[in-house]
Amino acid sequence: MRWRYIAGYSSSIHTLAEEAIRLGRDDLRMVVVLANSEPLLPHQREMIGRAFHCQVRETYGMAENVASATECEAGGLHQWPEVGVTEVVDGHCPVPPGTTGDFVCTGLLNPGMPLIRYRVGDCGRVPPEDTACSCGRTLPLMTSIDGRIDDILWSRDGRRVYRLEPVLYGVPLHEAQIVQEHVDRVRVRVVPAMGFAPESERIVADRIRERMGDVGIVFEHVRQIPRTKAGKFRLVQCELPAAQREALLSLRQAS
């Protein structure tokens, strides 16, 4: 029996790809690899594609089955309208196309237990309705999945800081995790790769401060980033108490 594809968590497939390359396994050729449930980072995409000699596609979905999207060969993340309707909101108000907000979804597949305007806990962006993909498909697009709402960091002036993965681009790392322990302090856990140096830490710290302002940054070198109980890898983790987050949001709304 020959395996044709792999589907799983981005971080788990990336670890498998690293091991395949280390062992020199050149015979693990797939038709496609489908990454789901976690952000797919550029270095993960590159290594997975190199290990399995195929294209790597990002997918989006959840157990509640109220929204779904799949990346096409042109890089567009196409929604599946038959699964559900996705709205992007800030609080209870729709946000303009291209603006990050919370996903509120209405499922269309489960008449026995319908979920209507259900907050899935993810945030992201969608483009204008008339945005066309070069693949030729007319399915609606998602611009990006920016992560879990609980994975958003906060600046001291109340701004919500999304999309932290670019601070790691080009830095020699196997894994990393950005944890906000206090409104003025961020811990960066890193599993260094060959070539990681003090200059690498400075680059990451500068990029974080560009997004969050003047915060203290502590680097912690570890052998592996801990996973959740479900086995998922969380790139960003906010440990601020809920009351403090609400206070920061109120501060922002009042300004």
Protein backbone atom coordinates (compact mmCIF):
# COMPACT_ATOMS: atom_id res chain seq x y z
CA MET A 1 0.00 0.00 0.00
CA ARG A 2 1.36 3.40 -0.97
CA TRP A 3 0.42 6.51 1.01
CA ARG A 4 -0.84 9.31 -1.27
CA TYR A 5 -1.23 12.24 1.12
CA ILE A 6 -0.75 13.41 4.71
CA ALA A 7 -3.25 15.51 6.70
CA GLY A 8 -2.57 16.82 10.18
CA TYR A 9 -1.34 19.58 12.46
CA SER A 10 1.23 21.85 10.78
CA SER A 11 3.78 21.40 13.58
CA SER A 12 3.41 17.60 13.66
CA ILE A 13 3.88 17.25 9.90
CA HIS A 14 6.86 19.61 10.09
CA THR A 15 8.46 17.41 12.76
CA LEU A 16 7.85 14.34 10.59
CA ALA A 17 9.42 16.14 7.61
CA GLU A 18 12.50 17.06 9.66
CA GLU A 19 12.96 13.42 10.64
CA ALA A 20 12.47 12.20 7.06
CA ILE A 21 15.19 14.57 5.86
CA ARG A 22 17.50 13.60 8.72
CA LEU A 23 17.14 9.92 7.84
CA GLY A 24 17.61 10.56 4.13
CA ARG A 25 14.22 9.08 3.23
CA ASP A 26 13.81 10.16 -0.38
CA ASP A 27 11.06 7.62 -1.09
CA LEU A 28 8.28 9.38 0.86
CA ARG A 29 6.70 11.09 -2.14
CA MET A 30 3.16 12.36 -1.67
CA VAL A 31 0.59 13.86 -4.01
CA VAL A 32 -0.20 16.61 -1.49
CA VAL A 33 0.16 17.47 2.19
CA LEU A 34 -2.80 19.12 3.96
CA ALA A 35 -1.94 21.24 7.01
CA ASN A 36 -4.77 22.02 9.41
CA SER A 37 -5.61 23.39 12.89
CA GLU A 38 -2.47 25.53 13.24
CA PRO A 39 -0.90 28.38 11.25
CA LEU A 40 1.38 27.08 8.50
CA LEU A 41 4.64 29.04 8.71
CA PRO A 42 6.87 29.61 5.65
CA HIS A 43 9.76 27.52 6.97
CA GLN A 44 7.35 24.68 7.75
CA ARG A 45 5.86 24.81 4.25
CA GLU A 46 9.33 24.76 2.67
CA MET A 47 10.60 21.80 4.71
CA ILE A 48 7.42 19.74 4.34
CA GLY A 49 7.45 20.24 0.57
CA ARG A 50 11.14 19.31 0.39
CA ALA A 51 10.68 16.15 2.47
CA PHE A 52 7.63 14.82 0.64
CA HIS A 53 8.30 16.23 -2.86
CA CYS A 54 4.85 17.76 -3.24
CA GLN A 55 2.75 20.87 -2.78
CA VAL A 56 1.64 21.82 0.73
CA ARG A 57 -1.89 23.15 1.13
CA GLU A 58 -3.24 25.04 4.12
CA THR A 59 -6.78 24.15 5.19
CA TYR A 60 -9.18 25.62 7.73
CA GLY A 61 -11.99 24.01 9.68
CA MET A 62 -13.16 22.94 13.13
CA ALA A 63 -15.03 20.12 14.87
CA GLU A 64 -18.25 22.16 14.96
CA ASN A 65 -18.16 22.14 11.15
CA VAL A 66 -19.56 25.64 10.64
CA ALA A 67 -16.81 26.92 8.34
CA SER A 68 -14.21 25.43 6.04
CA ALA A 69 -11.61 26.66 3.56
CA THR A 70 -8.87 25.11 1.44
CA GLU A 71 -5.83 26.62 -0.27
CA CYS A 72 -5.71 26.31 -4.07
CA GLU A 73 -2.67 25.95 -6.32
CA ALA A 74 -2.52 29.75 -6.70
CA GLY A 75 -2.30 30.30 -2.94
CA GLY A 76 -5.88 31.50 -2.41
CA LEU A 77 -7.74 30.24 0.66
CA HIS A 78 -11.21 29.43 -0.68
CA GLN A 79 -14.23 29.05 1.59
CA TRP A 80 -16.73 26.21 1.18
CA PRO A 81 -20.09 28.07 1.13
CA GLU A 82 -22.09 24.87 1.55
CA VAL A 83 -20.52 24.35 4.99
CA GLY A 84 -21.48 27.70 6.46
CA VAL A 85 -21.58 31.49 6.31
CA THR A 86 -18.66 33.38 7.86
CA GLU A 87 -18.94 36.95 9.18
CA VAL A 88 -16.02 39.02 10.49
CA VAL A 89 -16.90 41.32 13.39
CA ASP A 90 -15.44 43.55 16.06
CA GLY A 91 -17.67 42.99 19.07
CA HIS A 92 -21.08 42.92 17.39
CA CYS A 93 -20.23 45.19 14.44
CA PRO A 94 -19.06 43.97 11.01
CA VAL A 95 -15.55 45.12 10.04
CA PRO A 96 -14.57 46.35 6.55
CA PRO A 97 -12.99 43.82 4.16
CA GLY A 98 -9.27 43.44 4.84
CA THR A 99 -9.66 44.28 8.55
CA THR A 100 -8.96 41.62 11.17
CA GLY A 101 -11.90 40.64 13.32
CA ASP A 102 -13.54 37.71 15.09
CA PHE A 103 -15.14 34.95 13.01
CA VAL A 104 -18.87 34.47 13.60
CA CYS A 105 -20.21 31.51 11.63
CA THR A 106 -23.57 29.96 10.83
CA GLY A 107 -23.44 26.28 9.92
CA LEU A 108 -25.50 24.86 7.05
CA LEU A 109 -24.80 21.11 7.38
CA ASN A 110 -26.39 20.17 10.70
CA PRO A 111 -30.18 20.68 10.79
CA GLY A 112 -30.44 18.63 13.99
CA MET A 113 -28.27 21.02 16.03
CA PRO A 114 -27.75 24.23 14.04
CA LEU A 115 -25.21 26.78 15.25
CA ILE A 116 -26.33 30.29 14.29
CA ARG A 117 -23.89 33.22 14.45
CA TYR A 118 -21.55 31.06 16.48
CA ARG A 119 -18.23 32.57 17.64
CA VAL A 120 -15.68 29.92 16.73
CA GLY A 121 -12.86 31.60 18.70
CA ASP A 122 -10.73 32.42 15.64
CA CYS A 123 -9.88 35.75 14.08
CA GLY A 124 -8.88 36.65 10.55
CA ARG A 125 -9.68 38.69 7.47
CA VAL A 126 -11.66 38.39 4.24
CA PRO A 127 -11.19 40.43 1.04
CA PRO A 128 -13.93 42.35 -0.83
CA GLU A 129 -16.57 40.05 -2.35
CA ASP A 130 -15.47 40.78 -5.93
CA THR A 131 -11.84 39.75 -5.29
CA ALA A 132 -10.82 37.19 -7.91
CA CYS A 133 -8.30 34.39 -7.52
CA SER A 134 -5.94 33.63 -10.40
CA CYS A 135 -6.90 29.93 -10.19
CA GLY A 136 -10.24 30.84 -11.80
CA ARG A 137 -12.45 29.52 -9.01
CA THR A 138 -15.23 31.86 -7.89
CA LEU A 139 -15.57 30.51 -4.35
CA PRO A 140 -15.30 33.29 -1.73
CA LEU A 141 -11.84 33.86 -0.28
CA MET A 142 -10.31 34.31 3.15
CA THR A 143 -7.36 36.68 3.21
CA SER A 144 -5.84 35.04 6.28
CA ILE A 145 -6.46 33.10 9.47
CA ASP A 146 -4.70 35.14 12.14
CA GLY A 147 -5.14 32.69 15.02
CA ARG A 148 -7.20 32.08 18.11
CA ILE A 149 -8.78 35.04 19.88
CA ASP A 150 -7.02 33.91 23.06
CA ASP A 151 -3.70 34.01 21.17
CA ILE A 152 -3.83 37.76 20.57
CA LEU A 153 -1.37 39.91 22.51
CA TRP A 154 -2.13 43.32 23.98
CA SER A 155 -0.17 46.55 23.99
CA ARG A 156 -0.32 48.75 27.08
CA ASP A 157 -2.49 51.30 25.18
CA GLY A 158 -5.13 48.62 24.54
CA ARG A 159 -4.27 47.63 20.97
CA ARG A 160 -4.81 43.98 20.04
CA VAL A 161 -1.69 42.70 18.28
CA TYR A 162 -2.34 40.06 15.63
CA ARG A 163 -0.14 37.97 13.32
CA LEU A 164 3.04 37.57 15.33
CA GLU A 165 4.48 34.81 13.14
CA PRO A 166 6.33 37.29 10.83
CA VAL A 167 8.63 38.24 13.73
CA LEU A 168 10.23 34.79 13.29
CA TYR A 169 10.65 34.86 9.51
CA GLY A 170 14.21 34.16 8.41
CA VAL A 171 15.42 33.35 11.94
CA PRO A 172 17.10 29.91 12.33
CA LEU A 173 14.64 28.14 14.64
CA HIS A 174 13.07 24.72 14.88
CA GLU A 175 10.20 26.08 16.97
CA ALA A 176 9.29 29.15 18.98
CA GLN A 177 6.46 30.38 21.18
CA ILE A 178 5.63 33.96 22.17
CA VAL A 179 3.98 34.24 25.59
CA GLN A 180 2.63 37.47 27.10
CA GLU A 181 3.05 37.09 30.85
CA HIS A 182 2.32 40.72 31.71
CA VAL A 183 1.21 43.75 29.73
CA ASP A 184 4.84 44.94 29.85
CA ARG A 185 6.62 41.58 29.50
CA VAL A 186 6.84 38.92 26.80
CA ARG A 187 8.64 35.59 27.05
CA VAL A 188 9.96 34.02 23.83
CA ARG A 189 10.61 30.29 24.10
CA VAL A 190 12.91 29.09 21.32
CA VAL A 191 14.22 25.77 20.07
CA PRO A 192 17.30 27.06 18.20
CA ALA A 193 18.46 25.69 14.87
CA MET A 194 22.01 25.82 13.54
CA GLY A 195 23.07 29.45 13.10
CA PHE A 196 20.94 30.87 15.90
CA ALA A 197 22.95 33.56 17.71
CA PRO A 198 22.48 36.59 19.99
CA GLU A 199 21.84 38.63 16.84
CA SER A 200 18.86 36.36 16.12
CA GLU A 201 17.36 37.26 19.49
CA ARG A 202 17.88 40.96 18.80
CA ILE A 203 16.06 40.68 15.45
CA VAL A 204 13.06 38.94 17.05
CA ALA A 205 12.97 41.39 19.97
CA ASP A 206 13.09 44.43 17.64
CA ARG A 207 10.24 43.04 15.54
CA ILE A 208 8.07 42.38 18.60
CA ARG A 209 8.65 45.92 19.91
CA GLU A 210 7.75 47.36 16.49
CA ARG A 211 4.32 45.79 16.97
CA MET A 212 3.79 46.09 20.73
CA GLY A 213 5.82 49.10 21.82
CA ASP A 214 8.43 49.19 24.58
CA VAL A 215 7.99 45.84 26.35
CA GLY A 216 10.47 43.71 28.22
CA ILE A 217 11.44 40.55 26.33
CA VAL A 218 12.91 37.45 27.94
CA PHE A 219 14.31 34.60 25.81
CA GLU A 220 14.14 31.04 27.10
CA HIS A 221 15.96 28.23 25.27
CA VAL A 222 14.06 24.92 25.50
CA ARG A 223 14.28 21.47 23.93
CA GLN A 224 10.65 21.48 22.80
CA ILE A 225 7.63 23.76 22.96
CA PRO A 226 4.89 22.18 25.12
CA ARG A 227 1.69 21.19 23.30
CA THR A 228 -1.90 21.57 24.45
CA LYS A 229 -3.87 18.61 25.78
CA ALA A 230 -5.17 18.12 22.23
CA GLY A 231 -1.60 17.96 20.93
CA LYS A 232 -1.72 21.35 19.21
CA PHE A 233 1.17 23.76 18.95
CA ARG A 234 0.40 27.36 19.98
CA LEU A 235 2.72 29.93 18.48
CA VAL A 236 1.27 32.76 20.55
CA GLN A 237 -0.14 32.53 24.05
CA CYS A 238 -1.67 35.34 26.11
CA GLU A 239 -1.63 34.76 29.87
CA LEU A 240 -3.18 38.09 30.86
CA PRO A 241 -6.20 37.66 33.16
CA ALA A 242 -9.57 38.15 31.46
CA ALA A 243 -10.31 41.20 33.63
CA GLN A 244 -7.10 42.87 32.51
CA ARG A 245 -7.88 42.19 28.85
CA GLU A 246 -11.32 43.73 29.26
CA ALA A 247 -9.79 46.78 30.94
CA LEU A 248 -7.33 47.19 28.06
CA LEU A 249 -10.14 46.87 25.50
CA SER A 250 -12.18 49.52 27.34
CA LEU A 251 -9.12 51.79 27.39
CA ARG A 252 -8.77 51.44 23.62
CA GLN A 253 -12.48 52.07 22.97
CA ALA A 254 -12.39 55.20 25.12
CA SER A 255 -9.39 56.70 23.30
